[in-house]
Amino acid sequence: MEYRDAYVRAMYPARNKLARYGSAYPMEVDLLRARLTREHSAQLRDLLEQYSRYR
């Protein structure tokens, strides 16, 4: 989660986020977090599949 949250902060660096990015900001952040979580989950599944072949 630390990587995900750091990535979100890098994508939206303004201090006053609502003023800078508008009222859609919370929804955009939620969507970005969900996408990053899905991608990370898929990567972990791929790693698990790769390593389970060697057992």
N, C-alpha and C. Protein backbone atom coordinates (compact mmCIF):
# COMPACT_ATOMS: atom_id res chain seq x y z
N MET A 1 0.81 -1.20 0.00
CA MET A 1 0.00 0.00 0.00
C MET A 1 0.85 1.26 0.00
N GLU A 2 2.06 1.16 0.52
CA GLU A 2 2.89 2.36 0.55
C GLU A 2 3.23 2.83 -0.86
N TYR A 3 3.57 1.88 -1.74
CA TYR A 3 3.87 2.25 -3.13
C TYR A 3 2.65 2.89 -3.77
N ARG A 4 1.50 2.25 -3.59
CA ARG A 4 0.26 2.77 -4.19
C ARG A 4 -0.02 4.19 -3.71
N ASP A 5 0.07 4.41 -2.41
CA ASP A 5 -0.23 5.74 -1.86
C ASP A 5 0.80 6.77 -2.31
N ALA A 6 2.07 6.37 -2.41
CA ALA A 6 3.10 7.29 -2.91
C ALA A 6 2.85 7.63 -4.37
N TYR A 7 2.41 6.65 -5.14
CA TYR A 7 2.10 6.88 -6.55
C TYR A 7 0.95 7.89 -6.68
N VAL A 8 -0.08 7.73 -5.87
CA VAL A 8 -1.22 8.65 -5.89
C VAL A 8 -0.76 10.06 -5.52
N ARG A 9 0.08 10.17 -4.48
CA ARG A 9 0.58 11.50 -4.09
C ARG A 9 1.39 12.13 -5.21
N ALA A 10 2.17 11.32 -5.93
CA ALA A 10 2.97 11.85 -7.04
C ALA A 10 2.08 12.30 -8.20
N MET A 11 0.99 11.60 -8.41
CA MET A 11 0.08 11.97 -9.49
C MET A 11 -0.74 13.22 -9.16
N TYR A 12 -0.96 13.46 -7.88
CA TYR A 12 -1.75 14.61 -7.44
C TYR A 12 -0.98 15.36 -6.36
N PRO A 13 0.05 16.12 -6.76
CA PRO A 13 0.95 16.73 -5.78
C PRO A 13 0.46 18.02 -5.12
N ALA A 14 -0.58 18.63 -5.62
CA ALA A 14 -1.02 19.92 -5.08
C ALA A 14 -1.42 19.79 -3.61
N ARG A 15 -1.18 20.85 -2.85
CA ARG A 15 -1.58 20.83 -1.43
C ARG A 15 -3.08 20.87 -1.28
N ASN A 16 -3.72 21.82 -1.94
CA ASN A 16 -5.17 21.94 -1.86
C ASN A 16 -5.75 21.18 -3.05
N LYS A 17 -5.94 19.91 -2.85
CA LYS A 17 -6.29 19.01 -3.95
C LYS A 17 -7.67 19.32 -4.54
N LEU A 18 -8.65 19.60 -3.70
CA LEU A 18 -9.98 19.89 -4.23
C LEU A 18 -9.98 21.17 -5.06
N ALA A 19 -9.24 22.17 -4.61
CA ALA A 19 -9.17 23.42 -5.38
C ALA A 19 -8.45 23.22 -6.70
N ARG A 20 -7.40 22.41 -6.69
CA ARG A 20 -6.59 22.20 -7.90
C ARG A 20 -7.23 21.22 -8.88
N TYR A 21 -7.78 20.11 -8.35
CA TYR A 21 -8.25 19.03 -9.22
C TYR A 21 -9.77 18.94 -9.32
N GLY A 22 -10.46 19.71 -8.50
CA GLY A 22 -11.92 19.75 -8.60
C GLY A 22 -12.62 18.70 -7.76
N SER A 23 -13.93 18.74 -7.84
CA SER A 23 -14.74 17.86 -7.00
C SER A 23 -14.65 16.39 -7.41
N ALA A 24 -14.14 16.11 -8.59
CA ALA A 24 -13.99 14.72 -9.04
C ALA A 24 -12.74 14.08 -8.44
N TYR A 25 -11.90 14.87 -7.77
CA TYR A 25 -10.64 14.35 -7.23
C TYR A 25 -10.83 13.09 -6.37
N PRO A 26 -11.73 13.08 -5.38
CA PRO A 26 -11.85 11.87 -4.56
C PRO A 26 -12.21 10.62 -5.38
N MET A 27 -13.08 10.79 -6.35
CA MET A 27 -13.46 9.66 -7.19
C MET A 27 -12.28 9.21 -8.05
N GLU A 28 -11.54 10.15 -8.60
CA GLU A 28 -10.39 9.82 -9.43
C GLU A 28 -9.34 9.06 -8.63
N VAL A 29 -9.12 9.49 -7.40
CA VAL A 29 -8.15 8.81 -6.54
C VAL A 29 -8.62 7.40 -6.22
N ASP A 30 -9.90 7.25 -5.91
CA ASP A 30 -10.42 5.90 -5.64
C ASP A 30 -10.26 4.99 -6.85
N LEU A 31 -10.54 5.51 -8.03
CA LEU A 31 -10.39 4.71 -9.25
C LEU A 31 -8.93 4.35 -9.51
N LEU A 32 -8.04 5.29 -9.27
CA LEU A 32 -6.60 5.04 -9.46
C LEU A 32 -6.12 3.99 -8.46
N ARG A 33 -6.52 4.11 -7.20
CA ARG A 33 -6.13 3.12 -6.20
C ARG A 33 -6.66 1.74 -6.57
N ALA A 34 -7.90 1.68 -7.04
CA ALA A 34 -8.47 0.39 -7.43
C ALA A 34 -7.69 -0.22 -8.59
N ARG A 35 -7.34 0.61 -9.58
CA ARG A 35 -6.59 0.11 -10.74
C ARG A 35 -5.22 -0.40 -10.32
N LEU A 36 -4.54 0.36 -9.48
CA LEU A 36 -3.21 -0.05 -9.02
C LEU A 36 -3.30 -1.34 -8.20
N THR A 37 -4.33 -1.48 -7.39
CA THR A 37 -4.52 -2.68 -6.60
C THR A 37 -4.78 -3.89 -7.49
N ARG A 38 -5.62 -3.71 -8.51
CA ARG A 38 -5.88 -4.81 -9.45
C ARG A 38 -4.61 -5.22 -10.17
N GLU A 39 -3.83 -4.25 -10.62
CA GLU A 39 -2.59 -4.55 -11.33
C GLU A 39 -1.61 -5.28 -10.42
N HIS A 40 -1.49 -4.82 -9.19
CA HIS A 40 -0.56 -5.46 -8.26
C HIS A 40 -1.02 -6.88 -7.94
N SER A 41 -2.31 -7.06 -7.76
CA SER A 41 -2.85 -8.40 -7.50
C SER A 41 -2.55 -9.34 -8.66
N ALA A 42 -2.70 -8.86 -9.88
CA ALA A 42 -2.41 -9.68 -11.06
C ALA A 42 -0.92 -10.04 -11.11
N GLN A 43 -0.07 -9.09 -10.77
CA GLN A 43 1.37 -9.36 -10.76
C GLN A 43 1.72 -10.42 -9.71
N LEU A 44 1.10 -10.32 -8.54
CA LEU A 44 1.35 -11.31 -7.50
C LEU A 44 0.85 -12.69 -7.90
N ARG A 45 -0.31 -12.75 -8.56
CA ARG A 45 -0.81 -14.03 -9.05
C ARG A 45 0.15 -14.64 -10.06
N ASP A 46 0.67 -13.81 -10.96
CA ASP A 46 1.64 -14.29 -11.95
C ASP A 46 2.90 -14.84 -11.27
N LEU A 47 3.40 -14.13 -10.27
CA LEU A 47 4.57 -14.62 -9.55
C LEU A 47 4.28 -15.93 -8.85
N LEU A 48 3.14 -16.02 -8.22
CA LEU A 48 2.77 -17.25 -7.54
C LEU A 48 2.68 -18.42 -8.51
N GLU A 49 2.12 -18.16 -9.67
CA GLU A 49 2.01 -19.20 -10.70
C GLU A 49 3.40 -19.63 -11.18
N GLN A 50 4.28 -18.67 -11.40
CA GLN A 50 5.63 -18.99 -11.85
C GLN A 50 6.38 -19.81 -10.82
N TYR A 51 6.31 -19.43 -9.56
CA TYR A 51 7.06 -20.14 -8.52
C TYR A 51 6.43 -21.48 -8.17
N SER A 52 5.15 -21.62 -8.36
CA SER A 52 4.52 -22.91 -8.04
C SER A 52 4.91 -23.98 -9.05
N ARG A 53 5.38 -23.60 -10.21
CA ARG A 53 5.85 -24.56 -11.21
C ARG A 53 7.13 -25.25 -10.77
N TYR A 54 7.91 -24.58 -9.92
CA TYR A 54 9.21 -25.10 -9.51
C TYR A 54 9.14 -25.94 -8.25
N ARG A 55 7.98 -26.10 -7.70
CA ARG A 55 7.84 -26.88 -6.44
C ARG A 55 7.69 -28.32 -6.70
